[in-house]
C-alpha atoms as a PDB file:
ATOM      1  CA  MET A   1      78.502  91.948 154.159  1.00  0.00           C
ATOM      2  CA  LYS A   2      79.073  95.595 155.148  1.00  0.00           C
ATOM      3  CA  PHE A   3      76.062  96.534 153.029  1.00  0.00           C
ATOM      4  CA  LYS A   4      73.800  94.083 154.921  1.00  0.00           C
ATOM      5  CA  ILE A   5      75.041  95.354 158.278  1.00  0.00           C
ATOM      6  CA  SER A   6      74.415  98.939 157.149  1.00  0.00           C
ATOM      7  CA  LEU A   7      70.866  98.056 156.080  1.00  0.00           C
ATOM      8  CA  ILE A   8      70.169  96.367 159.405  1.00  0.00           C
ATOM      9  CA  LEU A   9      71.570  99.373 161.271  1.00  0.00           C
ATOM     10  CA  ILE A  10      69.474 101.813 159.217  1.00  0.00           C
ATOM     11  CA  ALA A  11      66.323  99.719 159.736  1.00  0.00           C
ATOM     12  CA  GLY A  12      66.984  99.618 163.473  1.00  0.00           C
ATOM     13  CA  LEU A  13      67.427 103.386 163.620  1.00  0.00           C
ATOM     14  CA  MET A  14      64.209 103.928 161.660  1.00  0.00           C
ATOM     15  CA  VAL A  15      62.260 101.762 164.123  1.00  0.00           C
ATOM     16  CA  PHE A  16      63.846 103.593 167.077  1.00  0.00           C
ATOM     17  CA  PHE A  17      62.984 107.048 165.723  1.00  0.00           C
ATOM     18  CA  SER A  18      59.430 106.073 164.741  1.00  0.00           C
ATOM     19  CA  GLU A  19      58.812 104.736 168.268  1.00  0.00           C
ATOM     20  CA  THR A  20      60.278 107.924 169.749  1.00  0.00           C
ATOM     21  CA  GLN A  21      57.965 110.033 167.547  1.00  0.00           C
ATOM     22  CA  ALA A  22      54.934 107.949 168.548  1.00  0.00           C
ATOM     23  CA  GLN A  23      55.760 108.408 172.236  1.00  0.00           C
ATOM     24  CA  GLU A  24      56.263 112.152 171.731  1.00  0.00           C
ATOM     25  CA  ASN A  25      52.854 112.431 170.053  1.00  0.00           C
ATOM     26  CA  LYS A  26      51.243 110.705 173.044  1.00  0.00           C
ATOM     27  CA  ILE A  27      52.994 113.069 175.453  1.00  0.00           C
ATOM     28  CA  LEU A  28      52.119 116.139 173.375  1.00  0.00           C
ATOM     29  CA  ASN A  29      48.398 115.352 173.127  1.00  0.00           C
ATOM     30  CA  THR A  30      46.697 118.295 171.441  1.00  0.00           C
ATOM     31  CA  LYS A  31      43.145 118.809 172.707  1.00  0.00           C
ATOM     32  CA  LEU A  32      40.275 121.105 171.824  1.00  0.00           C
ATOM     33  CA  GLN A  33      37.678 122.052 174.442  1.00  0.00           C
ATOM     34  CA  ILE A  34      34.609 123.694 172.925  1.00  0.00           C
ATOM     35  CA  THR A  35      32.189 125.431 175.277  1.00  0.00           C
ATOM     36  CA  VAL A  36      28.713 125.892 173.808  1.00  0.00           C
ATOM     37  CA  LEU A  37      26.616 128.772 175.129  1.00  0.00           C
ATOM     38  CA  ASN A  38      23.168 130.022 174.163  1.00  0.00           C
ATOM     39  CA  SER A  39      22.521 133.652 173.208  1.00  0.00           C
ATOM     40  CA  LEU A  40      21.992 134.515 176.901  1.00  0.00           C
ATOM     41  CA  GLY A  41      25.437 133.169 177.784  1.00  0.00           C
ATOM     42  CA  ASN A  42      24.198 130.019 179.510  1.00  0.00           C
ATOM     43  CA  PRO A  43      25.891 126.643 178.917  1.00  0.00           C
ATOM     44  CA  VAL A  44      23.979 124.301 176.625  1.00  0.00           C
ATOM     45  CA  ILE A  45      23.803 120.737 177.963  1.00  0.00           C
ATOM     46  CA  GLY A  46      23.609 117.930 175.396  1.00  0.00           C
ATOM     47  CA  ALA A  47      24.448 120.010 172.325  1.00  0.00           C
ATOM     48  CA  LYS A  48      25.892 117.974 169.434  1.00  0.00           C
ATOM     49  CA  VAL A  49      29.353 119.218 168.439  1.00  0.00           C
ATOM     50  CA  SER A  50      31.289 118.177 165.320  1.00  0.00           C
ATOM     51  CA  ILE A  51      34.643 119.346 163.996  1.00  0.00           C
ATOM     52  CA  TYR A  52      35.991 119.289 160.436  1.00  0.00           C
ATOM     53  CA  GLU A  53      39.442 119.796 158.896  1.00  0.00           C
ATOM     54  CA  SER A  54      38.292 121.967 155.994  1.00  0.00           C
ATOM     55  CA  GLU A  55      35.653 124.566 155.290  1.00  0.00           C
ATOM     56  CA  GLU A  56      34.424 122.447 152.372  1.00  0.00           C
ATOM     57  CA  ASP A  57      33.825 119.467 154.683  1.00  0.00           C
ATOM     58  CA  TYR A  58      32.110 121.759 157.198  1.00  0.00           C
ATOM     59  CA  LEU A  59      29.772 123.211 154.558  1.00  0.00           C
ATOM     60  CA  ALA A  60      28.985 119.763 153.113  1.00  0.00           C
ATOM     61  CA  ASP A  61      28.717 118.152 156.592  1.00  0.00           C
ATOM     62  CA  GLU A  62      31.163 115.418 155.493  1.00  0.00           C
ATOM     63  CA  ASN A  63      34.274 113.831 156.993  1.00  0.00           C
ATOM     64  CA  VAL A  64      33.619 114.610 160.656  1.00  0.00           C
ATOM     65  CA  ILE A  65      36.791 114.274 162.741  1.00  0.00           C
ATOM     66  CA  GLY A  66      36.203 111.449 165.207  1.00  0.00           C
ATOM     67  CA  THR A  67      32.613 111.278 166.371  1.00  0.00           C
ATOM     68  CA  VAL A  68      29.941 113.793 167.300  1.00  0.00           C
ATOM     69  CA  VAL A  69      30.446 114.795 170.954  1.00  0.00           C
ATOM     70  CA  LEU A  70      27.658 115.852 173.325  1.00  0.00           C
ATOM     71  CA  THR A  71      28.317 118.742 175.686  1.00  0.00           C
ATOM     72  CA  ASP A  72      28.452 118.079 179.433  1.00  0.00           C
ATOM     73  CA  LYS A  73      26.654 119.940 182.263  1.00  0.00           C
ATOM     74  CA  LYS A  74      28.996 122.904 181.777  1.00  0.00           C
ATOM     75  CA  GLY A  75      28.359 123.012 178.020  1.00  0.00           C
ATOM     76  CA  ARG A  76      31.788 121.575 177.174  1.00  0.00           C
ATOM     77  CA  ALA A  77      32.786 119.084 174.500  1.00  0.00           C
ATOM     78  CA  MET A  78      36.348 117.704 174.403  1.00  0.00           C
ATOM     79  CA  PHE A  79      38.244 116.471 171.347  1.00  0.00           C
ATOM     80  CA  LYS A  80      41.619 114.741 171.853  1.00  0.00           C
ATOM     81  CA  ASP A  81      44.594 113.605 169.781  1.00  0.00           C
ATOM     82  CA  LEU A  82      44.260 116.399 167.225  1.00  0.00           C
ATOM     83  CA  LEU A  83      46.800 117.857 164.862  1.00  0.00           C
ATOM     84  CA  PRO A  84      47.962 121.419 165.531  1.00  0.00           C
ATOM     85  CA  LYS A  85      45.887 123.031 162.778  1.00  0.00           C
ATOM     86  CA  LYS A  86      42.692 125.007 162.202  1.00  0.00           C
ATOM     87  CA  TYR A  87      39.350 123.210 162.624  1.00  0.00           C
ATOM     88  CA  TYR A  88      35.778 124.108 161.662  1.00  0.00           C
ATOM     89  CA  ILE A  89      33.090 123.693 164.329  1.00  0.00           C
ATOM     90  CA  PHE A  90      29.400 122.920 164.081  1.00  0.00           C
ATOM     91  CA  ALA A  91      27.313 122.896 167.267  1.00  0.00           C
ATOM     92  CA  ARG A  92      23.580 122.211 167.363  1.00  0.00           C
ATOM     93  CA  ASP A  93      20.863 121.831 169.970  1.00  0.00           C
ATOM     94  CA  GLY A  94      17.345 121.528 168.567  1.00  0.00           C
ATOM     95  CA  SER A  95      16.787 124.501 166.269  1.00  0.00           C
ATOM     96  CA  MET A  96      19.812 126.413 167.614  1.00  0.00           C
ATOM     97  CA  ASP A  97      23.235 126.259 165.937  1.00  0.00           C
ATOM     98  CA  ASN A  98      26.315 128.381 165.278  1.00  0.00           C
ATOM     99  CA  ALA A  99      25.809 128.701 161.505  1.00  0.00           C
ATOM    100  CA  ASP A 100      25.778 132.502 161.805  1.00  0.00           C
ATOM    101  CA  GLY A 101      29.239 132.852 163.364  1.00  0.00           C
ATOM    102  CA  ASN A 102      32.257 131.473 165.252  1.00  0.00           C
ATOM    103  CA  GLN A 103      32.671 128.503 162.961  1.00  0.00           C
ATOM    104  CA  SER A 104      36.421 127.921 163.151  1.00  0.00           C
ATOM    105  CA  THR A 105      39.372 127.835 165.509  1.00  0.00           C
ATOM    106  CA  ASP A 106      42.743 129.433 165.120  1.00  0.00           C
ATOM    107  CA  LYS A 107      45.569 126.980 164.500  1.00  0.00           C
ATOM    108  CA  LEU A 108      45.679 124.808 167.623  1.00  0.00           C
ATOM    109  CA  THR A 109      48.730 124.917 169.851  1.00  0.00           C
ATOM    110  CA  GLN A 110      50.372 121.501 170.030  1.00  0.00           C
ATOM    111  CA  GLY A 111      50.499 119.642 173.336  1.00  0.00           C
ATOM    112  CA  VAL A 112      47.950 121.744 175.236  1.00  0.00           C
ATOM    113  CA  LYS A 113      44.206 121.993 175.785  1.00  0.00           C
ATOM    114  CA  ASN A 114      43.021 124.681 173.361  1.00  0.00           C
ATOM    115  CA  LYS A 115      39.739 126.374 174.341  1.00  0.00           C
ATOM    116  CA  VAL A 116      37.025 127.896 172.152  1.00  0.00           C
ATOM    117  CA  THR A 117      33.579 129.232 173.013  1.00  0.00           C
ATOM    118  CA  VAL A 118      30.737 128.906 170.523  1.00  0.00           C
ATOM    119  CA  ILE A 119      27.413 130.749 170.747  1.00  0.00           C
ATOM    120  CA  ILE A 120      24.370 129.000 169.283  1.00  0.00           C
ATOM    121  CA  SER A 121      21.057 130.659 168.471  1.00  0.00           C
ATOM    122  CA  ASP A 122      17.932 130.232 166.338  1.00  0.00           C
END
């Protein structure tokens, strides 16, 4: 009998702590704002931006995190609900991309909007 009560108590605590963790993750939403500029420093509207968790995925163009995001009128693309880790970025608009540099972030800071600027060129 005590064993069954202990199991029920442990199960209840596990549910409580998992719900608390889920709520904390929602509160501490880690975001990544990527601003895409051309070689003249002007924002690029409608650039396609993808992020990847590993350099291998980036190089193979596989396992995109979420969906491809188009930049807005200020050249910004926003990614939400990310893990606090390093990501690899690919931005493209026509024949311009960032393949020659600025292809990754530092480890993201949890619970804030992290910002990165990417320059694309031919």
